[in-house]
Protein backbone atom coordinates (compact mmCIF):
# COMPACT_ATOMS: atom_id res chain seq x y z
CA MET A 1 -182.39 113.58 -103.42
CA ASN A 2 -182.00 110.42 -101.80
CA PHE A 3 -181.65 109.25 -98.25
CA LYS A 4 -177.70 109.62 -98.15
CA GLN A 5 -177.57 113.08 -99.60
CA GLU A 6 -180.61 114.40 -97.11
CA PHE A 7 -178.89 113.18 -94.02
CA ILE A 8 -175.51 114.50 -95.37
CA ALA A 9 -177.59 117.75 -95.87
CA ALA A 10 -179.46 117.59 -92.29
CA ILE A 11 -175.67 117.10 -90.58
CA GLU A 12 -173.99 120.34 -92.55
CA SER A 13 -176.70 122.44 -91.46
CA HIS A 14 -176.80 121.13 -87.93
CA TRP A 15 -172.88 121.86 -88.28
CA GLN A 16 -173.16 125.05 -89.10
CA LEU A 17 -175.67 125.51 -86.75
CA LEU A 18 -173.15 124.21 -83.94
CA ILE A 19 -170.20 126.46 -85.20
CA GLN A 20 -172.84 129.81 -85.26
CA TRP A 21 -173.85 128.81 -81.60
CA SER A 22 -170.40 127.82 -80.36
CA PRO A 23 -168.86 130.44 -79.04
CA ARG A 24 -172.27 131.18 -77.22
CA LEU A 25 -171.74 128.23 -75.60
CA ALA A 26 -168.51 128.67 -74.61
CA ILE A 27 -169.27 132.04 -73.11
CA GLY A 28 -172.31 130.58 -71.39
CA VAL A 29 -170.32 127.05 -69.86
CA LEU A 30 -167.01 129.63 -69.01
CA ILE A 31 -170.06 131.67 -66.79
CA LEU A 32 -170.87 128.53 -64.97
CA VAL A 33 -167.76 127.23 -64.16
CA VAL A 34 -166.83 130.90 -63.01
CA PHE A 35 -169.77 131.00 -60.59
CA LEU A 36 -169.09 127.38 -59.47
CA PHE A 37 -166.08 127.83 -58.32
CA PHE A 38 -166.70 131.56 -56.92
CA SER A 39 -169.59 129.82 -55.35
CA ILE A 40 -167.57 127.71 -53.41
CA ARG A 41 -165.45 130.21 -52.14
CA ILE A 42 -167.44 132.68 -50.95
CA LYS A 43 -169.14 130.08 -48.90
CA ARG A 44 -165.55 129.60 -46.86
CA LEU A 45 -165.51 133.51 -46.79
CA VAL A 46 -169.09 133.68 -45.40
CA ILE A 47 -168.67 130.98 -43.00
CA ASN A 48 -165.17 132.25 -41.74
CA ARG A 49 -166.84 135.69 -41.49
CA LEU A 50 -169.63 134.77 -39.60
CA LYS A 51 -167.86 132.45 -36.91
CA ASN A 52 -165.63 135.19 -36.21
CA THR A 53 -168.93 137.74 -35.56
CA MET A 54 -171.66 135.00 -33.93
CA ASN A 55 -171.64 132.30 -31.32
CA ASP A 56 -173.71 129.96 -33.54
CA PRO A 57 -171.80 127.48 -35.88
CA LEU A 58 -174.98 125.96 -37.08
CA LEU A 59 -176.66 129.25 -38.41
CA ALA A 60 -173.25 130.13 -40.12
CA ARG A 61 -172.77 126.84 -41.87
CA PHE A 62 -176.70 127.18 -43.09
CA LEU A 63 -176.37 130.99 -44.22
CA SER A 64 -173.02 130.20 -45.78
CA GLY A 65 -174.57 126.91 -47.82
CA LEU A 66 -177.14 129.55 -48.77
CA ALA A 67 -175.16 132.18 -49.95
CA LYS A 68 -173.58 129.29 -52.03
CA TRP A 69 -176.75 128.13 -53.57
CA VAL A 70 -177.92 131.54 -54.47
CA PHE A 71 -174.89 132.38 -56.11
CA ILE A 72 -174.94 129.20 -57.94
CA VAL A 73 -179.00 129.64 -59.58
CA ILE A 74 -177.43 133.08 -60.54
CA GLY A 75 -174.79 131.89 -62.87
CA VAL A 76 -176.98 129.17 -64.29
CA SER A 77 -179.67 131.61 -64.93
CA LEU A 78 -176.96 134.32 -66.28
CA ALA A 79 -175.22 131.21 -68.10
CA MET A 80 -178.50 130.11 -69.66
CA HIS A 81 -179.87 133.81 -71.02
CA THR A 82 -176.01 134.07 -72.51
CA MET A 83 -176.55 130.60 -74.50
CA GLY A 84 -179.71 132.36 -75.74
CA LEU A 85 -181.65 129.87 -73.64
CA GLY A 86 -183.58 132.37 -71.77
CA GLY A 87 -187.14 131.50 -72.23
CA ILE A 88 -186.11 127.90 -71.19
CA ALA A 89 -184.38 129.85 -67.83
CA GLY A 90 -188.02 131.02 -67.28
CA GLY A 91 -189.92 128.15 -67.70
CA LEU A 92 -187.79 126.28 -65.15
CA VAL A 93 -187.94 128.79 -62.93
CA ALA A 94 -192.32 128.85 -63.43
CA GLY A 95 -192.19 124.91 -63.66
CA ALA A 96 -190.17 124.80 -60.34
CA GLY A 97 -192.57 126.90 -57.97
CA VAL A 98 -195.63 124.62 -59.37
CA SER A 99 -193.61 121.85 -58.42
CA ALA A 100 -192.48 122.96 -55.48
CA PHE A 101 -196.54 123.71 -54.48
CA ILE A 102 -197.62 119.94 -55.72
CA ILE A 103 -194.63 118.31 -53.95
CA GLY A 104 -195.71 120.30 -51.11
CA PHE A 105 -198.79 118.46 -50.89
CA ALA A 106 -197.11 115.27 -51.92
CA PHE A 107 -194.65 115.14 -48.89
CA LYS A 108 -196.01 117.41 -46.27
CA ASP A 109 -194.29 116.13 -43.72
CA ILE A 110 -191.06 116.56 -45.11
CA GLY A 111 -192.10 119.89 -46.38
CA GLU A 112 -192.55 120.66 -42.86
CA ASN A 113 -189.53 119.14 -41.43
CA PHE A 114 -187.95 121.66 -43.93
CA LEU A 115 -189.56 125.07 -42.87
CA ALA A 116 -188.96 124.02 -39.51
CA GLY A 117 -185.01 124.12 -40.11
CA ILE A 118 -185.15 127.12 -41.63
CA LEU A 119 -186.44 128.89 -39.28
CA MET A 120 -184.66 127.03 -36.64
CA ALA A 121 -181.57 128.47 -38.10
CA PHE A 122 -182.29 131.93 -37.74
CA HIS A 123 -184.02 131.38 -33.82
CA ARG A 124 -183.01 128.69 -32.48
CA PRO A 125 -183.52 128.10 -28.61
CA PHE A 126 -180.20 125.23 -28.39
CA ARG A 127 -176.98 125.60 -30.09
CA VAL A 128 -174.24 122.45 -30.99
CA GLY A 129 -173.49 120.86 -27.51
CA ASP A 130 -176.44 121.75 -25.50
CA THR A 131 -178.10 119.37 -23.09
CA ILE A 132 -181.72 119.64 -24.39
CA GLU A 133 -184.75 116.86 -23.96
CA ILE A 134 -187.83 116.72 -25.69
CA GLU A 135 -190.94 114.22 -25.45
CA ASP A 136 -188.42 110.96 -24.12
CA THR A 137 -184.83 111.66 -26.05
CA ILE A 138 -182.26 113.47 -23.61
CA GLY A 139 -178.73 114.33 -25.06
CA ASN A 140 -176.23 116.70 -26.57
CA VAL A 141 -177.03 118.04 -29.87
CA VAL A 142 -174.71 117.30 -32.54
CA ALA A 143 -175.58 118.77 -35.63
CA LEU A 144 -178.82 120.36 -37.67
CA ASP A 145 -179.76 120.22 -40.65
CA LEU A 146 -182.94 121.51 -42.61
CA ARG A 147 -184.45 118.26 -42.03
CA THR A 148 -183.64 116.49 -38.76
CA THR A 149 -181.54 117.78 -35.90
CA GLN A 150 -178.97 115.17 -34.46
CA VAL A 151 -178.56 114.30 -30.58
CA LYS A 152 -176.08 111.94 -28.97
CA THR A 153 -178.14 110.81 -25.72
CA LEU A 154 -176.11 109.59 -22.89
CA ASP A 155 -175.59 106.41 -23.87
CA GLY A 156 -174.40 107.19 -26.61
CA LYS A 157 -177.17 106.51 -29.11
CA ASP A 158 -177.65 109.39 -32.26
CA VAL A 159 -180.97 110.29 -32.70
CA PHE A 160 -182.15 112.05 -35.39
CA ILE A 161 -185.21 114.57 -34.35
CA PRO A 162 -187.42 116.00 -37.22
CA ASN A 163 -187.08 119.52 -36.79
CA SER A 164 -191.13 119.78 -36.67
CA LEU A 165 -191.07 118.33 -33.37
CA LEU A 166 -188.69 120.69 -32.19
CA ILE A 167 -190.86 123.94 -32.92
CA LYS A 168 -194.60 122.40 -31.95
CA ASN A 169 -193.55 120.04 -28.65
CA GLU A 170 -192.12 121.38 -25.62
CA LEU A 171 -188.34 121.38 -25.23
CA ILE A 172 -185.98 121.67 -22.12
CA ASN A 173 -182.90 122.76 -22.70
CA TYR A 174 -180.62 122.42 -19.53
CA THR A 175 -177.37 124.19 -20.74
CA ILE A 176 -178.36 126.95 -22.67
CA ASP A 177 -177.08 129.84 -19.88
CA GLY A 178 -173.91 127.75 -18.99
CA PHE A 179 -175.59 126.71 -15.53
CA LEU A 180 -176.82 123.15 -14.49
CA ARG A 181 -177.70 122.27 -11.71
CA GLN A 182 -177.58 118.93 -9.66
CA ASP A 183 -178.46 117.39 -6.82
CA PHE A 184 -179.14 114.03 -4.11
CA THR A 185 -180.37 113.44 -1.16
CA VAL A 186 -178.77 112.26 2.21
CA SER A 187 -180.42 110.78 4.94
CA VAL A 188 -179.57 111.51 8.58
CA ASP A 189 -180.35 110.18 11.86
CA TYR A 190 -183.19 112.40 13.85
CA GLN A 191 -180.91 112.70 16.74
CA THR A 192 -178.00 114.70 14.40
CA ASP A 193 -177.45 118.32 14.77
CA ILE A 194 -179.18 119.40 11.13
CA SER A 195 -176.69 122.83 11.54
CA VAL A 196 -173.52 120.48 11.99
CA ALA A 197 -174.66 118.10 8.84
CA ILE A 198 -175.15 120.72 6.73
CA SER A 199 -171.68 122.65 7.44
CA ILE A 200 -170.00 119.15 6.82
CA ILE A 201 -171.32 118.89 3.75
CA LEU A 202 -171.30 122.42 2.30
CA GLU A 203 -167.81 122.24 3.62
CA THR A 204 -167.03 119.31 1.59
CA LEU A 205 -168.27 120.42 -1.93
CA ASP A 206 -166.30 123.23 -1.80
CA GLU A 207 -163.26 120.17 -2.40
CA VAL A 208 -164.83 118.77 -5.46
CA SER A 209 -163.43 120.09 -8.81
CA GLY A 210 -165.81 121.22 -11.16
CA ILE A 211 -168.86 122.60 -8.60
CA LEU A 212 -169.04 126.41 -8.92
CA LYS A 213 -168.10 128.22 -5.49
CA GLU A 214 -168.71 131.79 -6.53
CA ASP A 215 -171.14 132.65 -8.92
CA LYS A 216 -174.14 129.74 -7.62
CA ARG A 217 -172.44 128.35 -4.44
CA PRO A 218 -173.71 124.91 -3.19
CA SER A 219 -176.45 125.05 -0.60
CA VAL A 220 -178.26 122.13 1.46
CA ALA A 221 -182.37 121.86 2.26
CA VAL A 222 -184.18 119.74 4.58
CA SER A 223 -186.52 118.28 1.90
CA ARG A 224 -188.37 115.58 4.02
CA LEU A 225 -188.94 113.57 7.47
CA ASP A 226 -189.15 110.00 7.38
CA SER A 227 -189.88 107.61 9.44
CA SER A 228 -186.46 106.87 10.44
CA SER A 229 -184.41 109.96 9.18
CA ILE A 230 -184.49 113.25 8.03
CA ALA A 231 -183.53 113.82 3.99
CA LEU A 232 -181.02 116.37 3.47
CA GLN A 233 -181.21 117.87 -0.13
CA VAL A 234 -178.18 118.76 -1.48
CA PHE A 235 -177.80 121.36 -4.51
CA TYR A 236 -174.94 122.81 -6.40
CA TRP A 237 -174.08 124.29 -9.75
CA LEU A 238 -171.97 123.04 -13.18
CA ASP A 239 -170.35 125.41 -15.54
CA THR A 240 -171.53 123.97 -18.97
CA PHE A 241 -169.40 126.02 -21.07
CA ASP A 242 -166.39 124.22 -19.26
CA LYS A 243 -165.92 121.07 -21.90
CA SER A 244 -163.75 119.74 -19.01
CA VAL A 245 -166.57 119.30 -16.70
CA GLN A 246 -168.22 115.95 -16.49
CA GLY A 247 -171.45 116.03 -14.64
CA LEU A 248 -171.89 112.21 -13.81
CA LYS A 249 -168.31 111.93 -12.71
CA VAL A 250 -168.64 115.30 -10.52
CA LYS A 251 -172.10 114.32 -9.28
CA THR A 252 -169.84 110.70 -7.91
CA GLU A 253 -167.23 111.97 -6.62
CA ALA A 254 -169.71 114.55 -4.94
CA ILE A 255 -171.80 111.65 -3.04
CA GLN A 256 -168.51 109.79 -2.34
CA ARG A 257 -166.80 112.42 -0.66
CA THR A 258 -169.90 113.65 1.15
CA LEU A 259 -170.28 110.42 2.46
CA LYS A 260 -166.66 110.09 4.04
CA ALA A 261 -166.95 113.15 5.39
CA LEU A 262 -170.30 112.35 7.24
CA ASP A 263 -169.05 109.04 8.06
CA GLN A 264 -165.54 110.60 9.60
CA ALA A 265 -167.73 113.24 11.74
CA LYS A 266 -169.66 109.97 13.29
CA VAL A 267 -172.96 111.15 11.57
CA TYR A 268 -175.27 108.33 11.47
CA MET A 269 -177.13 107.70 8.32
CA PRO A 270 -179.68 105.20 9.35
CA ALA A 271 -181.47 102.89 6.60
CA ASP A 272 -184.99 102.92 6.51
CA ILE A 273 -187.03 100.56 9.55
CA VAL A 274 -189.39 97.84 8.24
CA GLU A 275 -191.63 97.28 11.42
CA MET A 276 -193.11 93.61 11.74
CA LYS A 277 -196.34 93.01 14.16
CA ASN A 278 -198.12 89.26 15.12
CA TYR A 279 -201.36 89.89 15.93
CA ARG A 280 -201.95 86.20 15.39
CA GLU A 281 -200.08 84.42 17.61
CA ASP A 282 -202.09 81.13 18.09
CA VAL A 283 -202.30 80.99 14.55
CA PHE A 284 -198.39 80.65 14.49
CA LYS A 285 -198.69 78.10 17.38
CA THR A 286 -201.51 75.82 15.73
CA VAL A 287 -198.93 75.53 12.87
CA GLY A 288 -195.66 74.98 14.77
CA GLU A 289 -197.48 72.28 16.68
């Protein structure tokens, strides 16, 4: 038998094998397509259900994505078993476990951030929109994935913080309970009636939109005694769940109104006094001559 006959015989053999195997292949591909289609539908269904039952869109997106990939893995495994590739599927699973073990050592930081992302998806000290501080970064949480957390700083920068840092370091959440306290200092003259000044400040803050008046009322306290004035520390609270309230805008308005009200009430707000003494008049006279 020459080469041409051997080639034709090999093609015919593979063709017959393909014909015999094509029904399994078609069914396997069909199963895979069906599972891919339903995985997308399941993701949408899960995220819609979770959004209606929990106040945590990050966790809802994570669980819906996890449900999608679990469904896809089941579909791939079932399709391979249908096509007679069950042994290969088992080998891939075993190989994936060994590979994950090896890669875990090679990419320790990536694996650490990945596990931290999974942990924070279920138990996290912040939500989307919360204002947090981690190390030298202060900003609002924008998004969380399995590796990093996106924070938009107060000056508009987008910072992507590795999830492992959020777990291992001290994290401050300014808005998790819906209340944020702000403060500023006003200095008044020693001749001022402190009770009158405090009453004026509190009445003024009641007129500022965005400052809480019922749950947590504003307060004023004497914080220190300076050389030429008395420092009054003014405290007030904001509702962080109210997205129409802008902290910097409220603080600016509160300070402007307070200064104007104290000025209209003839409350003197002195600046620091610097006293200069000359103990060597003879030296200055000699230099002048």
